[in-house]
C-alpha atoms as a PDB file:
ATOM      1  CA  MET A   1       0.202   0.116  -0.155  1.00  0.00           C
ATOM      2  CA  ALA A   2       1.636   3.613  -0.320  1.00  0.00           C
ATOM      3  CA  GLU A   3       2.198   5.101   2.054  1.00  0.00           C
ATOM      4  CA  THR A   4       0.610   9.257   2.410  1.00  0.00           C
ATOM      5  CA  ARG A   5       2.433  12.211   2.709  1.00  0.00           C
ATOM      6  CA  GLY A   6       1.422  15.996   3.268  1.00  0.00           C
ATOM      7  CA  VAL A   7       2.156  17.987   1.044  1.00  0.00           C
ATOM      8  CA  ASP A   8       2.140  22.028   0.544  1.00  0.00           C
ATOM      9  CA  VAL A   9       0.149  23.346  -2.846  1.00  0.00           C
ATOM     10  CA  ASN A  10      -0.441  27.135  -3.224  1.00  0.00           C
ATOM     11  CA  ILE A  11      -4.010  28.392  -4.900  1.00  0.00           C
ATOM     12  CA  MET A  12      -4.669  32.628  -5.509  1.00  0.00           C
ATOM     13  CA  GLY A  13      -1.490  32.554  -2.787  1.00  0.00           C
ATOM     14  CA  ARG A  14      -3.494  30.367   0.111  1.00  0.00           C
ATOM     15  CA  GLU A  15      -1.137  27.578   1.234  1.00  0.00           C
ATOM     16  CA  PHE A  16      -2.907  24.165   2.007  1.00  0.00           C
ATOM     17  CA  ARG A  17      -1.304  21.188   3.181  1.00  0.00           C
ATOM     18  CA  VAL A  18      -3.243  18.299   0.468  1.00  0.00           C
ATOM     19  CA  ALA A  19      -3.085  14.587   1.290  1.00  0.00           C
ATOM     20  CA  CYS A  20      -1.574  11.985  -1.680  1.00  0.00           C
ATOM     21  CA  THR A  21       0.702   9.247  -2.040  1.00  0.00           C
ATOM     22  CA  ASP A  22       3.715   9.250  -4.118  1.00  0.00           C
ATOM     23  CA  GLU A  23       2.039   7.733  -6.676  1.00  0.00           C
ATOM     24  CA  GLU A  24      -0.562  10.574  -6.846  1.00  0.00           C
ATOM     25  CA  TYR A  25       2.181  13.318  -6.983  1.00  0.00           C
ATOM     26  CA  ASP A  26       1.800  14.434  -9.882  1.00  0.00           C
ATOM     27  CA  ALA A  27      -2.101  14.402 -11.209  1.00  0.00           C
ATOM     28  CA  LEU A  28      -2.948  16.414  -7.550  1.00  0.00           C
ATOM     29  CA  MET A  29      -0.102  19.067  -9.123  1.00  0.00           C
ATOM     30  CA  THR A  30      -2.067  18.851 -12.447  1.00  0.00           C
ATOM     31  CA  ALA A  31      -5.037  19.916 -10.518  1.00  0.00           C
ATOM     32  CA  VAL A  32      -3.853  22.344  -8.436  1.00  0.00           C
ATOM     33  CA  SER A  33      -2.037  24.540 -11.837  1.00  0.00           C
ATOM     34  CA  TYR A  34      -6.205  24.174 -13.660  1.00  0.00           C
ATOM     35  CA  LEU A  35      -7.632  24.907  -9.831  1.00  0.00           C
ATOM     36  CA  ASP A  36      -5.308  28.186  -9.638  1.00  0.00           C
ATOM     37  CA  ARG A  37      -5.618  28.937 -13.137  1.00  0.00           C
ATOM     38  CA  LYS A  38      -9.673  28.914 -13.252  1.00  0.00           C
ATOM     39  CA  MET A  39      -9.793  30.643  -9.691  1.00  0.00           C
ATOM     40  CA  ARG A  40      -7.418  33.636 -11.409  1.00  0.00           C
ATOM     41  CA  ASP A  41      -9.663  33.839 -15.103  1.00  0.00           C
ATOM     42  CA  ILE A  42     -12.486  34.381 -12.382  1.00  0.00           C
ATOM     43  CA  ARG A  43     -10.875  36.935 -10.579  1.00  0.00           C
ATOM     44  CA  ASP A  44      -9.069  38.993 -12.521  1.00  0.00           C
ATOM     45  CA  GLY A  45     -12.954  38.863 -14.936  1.00  0.00           C
ATOM     46  CA  GLY A  46     -13.824  41.452 -11.739  1.00  0.00           C
ATOM     47  CA  LYS A  47     -17.350  39.908 -11.578  1.00  0.00           C
ATOM     48  CA  VAL A  48     -17.176  38.041  -8.947  1.00  0.00           C
ATOM     49  CA  ILE A  49     -15.445  39.155  -5.439  1.00  0.00           C
ATOM     50  CA  GLY A  50     -14.343  37.408  -2.900  1.00  0.00           C
ATOM     51  CA  VAL A  51     -12.082  34.262  -2.101  1.00  0.00           C
ATOM     52  CA  GLU A  52     -14.868  32.119  -1.122  1.00  0.00           C
ATOM     53  CA  ARG A  53     -17.381  33.293  -4.567  1.00  0.00           C
ATOM     54  CA  ILE A  54     -14.489  32.702  -7.135  1.00  0.00           C
ATOM     55  CA  ALA A  55     -14.413  29.071  -5.248  1.00  0.00           C
ATOM     56  CA  ILE A  56     -17.783  28.255  -5.917  1.00  0.00           C
ATOM     57  CA  MET A  57     -17.535  29.694  -9.549  1.00  0.00           C
ATOM     58  CA  ALA A  58     -14.451  27.320 -10.411  1.00  0.00           C
ATOM     59  CA  ALA A  59     -16.447  24.810  -9.277  1.00  0.00           C
ATOM     60  CA  LEU A  60     -19.495  25.196 -10.768  1.00  0.00           C
ATOM     61  CA  ASN A  61     -17.722  25.918 -14.084  1.00  0.00           C
ATOM     62  CA  MET A  62     -15.256  22.652 -13.063  1.00  0.00           C
ATOM     63  CA  ALA A  63     -18.671  20.702 -12.713  1.00  0.00           C
ATOM     64  CA  HIS A  64     -19.835  21.510 -16.145  1.00  0.00           C
ATOM     65  CA  GLU A  65     -17.132  20.711 -17.795  1.00  0.00           C
ATOM     66  CA  LEU A  66     -16.100  17.604 -16.669  1.00  0.00           C
ATOM     67  CA  LEU A  67     -20.769  16.618 -16.961  1.00  0.00           C
ATOM     68  CA  ASN A  68     -20.083  17.950 -20.542  1.00  0.00           C
ATOM     69  CA  ALA A  69     -16.797  15.739 -20.472  1.00  0.00           C
ATOM     70  CA  ARG A  70     -18.792  12.676 -19.260  1.00  0.00           C
ATOM     71  CA  SER A  71     -21.475  13.080 -22.388  1.00  0.00           C
ATOM     72  CA  GLY A  72     -18.723  13.700 -24.547  1.00  0.00           C
ATOM     73  CA  GLY A  73     -18.906  16.786 -24.555  1.00  0.00           C
ATOM     74  CA  PHE A  74     -22.596  17.724 -26.132  1.00  0.00           C
ATOM     75  CA  ASP A  75     -24.037  20.151 -24.885  1.00  0.00           C
ATOM     76  CA  PHE A  76     -28.109  18.870 -25.076  1.00  0.00           C
ATOM     77  CA  GLY A  77     -29.360  22.332 -23.323  1.00  0.00           C
ATOM     78  CA  ASP A  78     -27.950  24.232 -27.147  1.00  0.00           C
ATOM     79  CA  PHE A  79     -28.608  20.604 -28.752  1.00  0.00           C
ATOM     80  CA  LYS A  80     -32.273  21.626 -27.940  1.00  0.00           C
ATOM     81  CA  ARG A  81     -32.349  25.076 -28.926  1.00  0.00           C
ATOM     82  CA  ARG A  82     -30.804  24.619 -31.845  1.00  0.00           C
ATOM     83  CA  ILE A  83     -33.528  21.145 -33.340  1.00  0.00           C
ATOM     84  CA  GLY A  84     -36.115  23.853 -31.866  1.00  0.00           C
ATOM     85  CA  VAL A  85     -34.541  26.863 -34.433  1.00  0.00           C
ATOM     86  CA  MET A  86     -34.759  24.368 -37.338  1.00  0.00           C
ATOM     87  CA  GLN A  87     -38.386  23.068 -36.735  1.00  0.00           C
ATOM     88  CA  GLU A  88     -39.670  27.178 -36.836  1.00  0.00           C
ATOM     89  CA  GLN A  89     -37.056  27.624 -40.026  1.00  0.00           C
ATOM     90  CA  ILE A  90     -38.699  24.369 -41.028  1.00  0.00           C
ATOM     91  CA  ASP A  91     -42.682  25.843 -40.553  1.00  0.00           C
ATOM     92  CA  GLN A  92     -41.279  29.101 -41.514  1.00  0.00           C
ATOM     93  CA  ALA A  93     -40.778  27.415 -45.416  1.00  0.00           C
ATOM     94  CA  ILE A  94     -43.799  24.901 -45.216  1.00  0.00           C
ATOM     95  CA  ALA A  95     -46.496  27.474 -44.625  1.00  0.00           C
ATOM     96  CA  GLU A  96     -44.885  29.563 -47.480  1.00  0.00           C
ATOM     97  CA  GLN A  97     -44.876  26.648 -49.559  1.00  0.00           C
ATOM     98  CA  ASN A  98     -48.332  26.159 -49.233  1.00  0.00           C
ATOM     99  CA  GLU A  99     -49.464  29.804 -49.664  1.00  0.00           C
ATOM    100  CA  LEU A 100     -47.927  29.178 -53.776  1.00  0.00           C
ATOM    101  CA  PHE A 101     -50.310  26.943 -54.143  1.00  0.00           C
END
């Protein structure tokens, strides 16, 4: 069994100690870097103030990305909207065609 050790990480200038194994270390550092970048992007956007709110927005964005990735990157809501627009266009074209006859 791999031994767990404490690793100090820095996210938006704040230090955190996280437990991980040597095998998990690289993945942890990648995750820390990704989270730090997402939080900084939100902060730099200037629309969200406060580290807690920035963290929540970053978590929501990352959860959205994960769920989209699990569905093959397919946004079902956007797909439904696009189908609706196409259906309206088809209905309009049929109505115009019917006026000709």
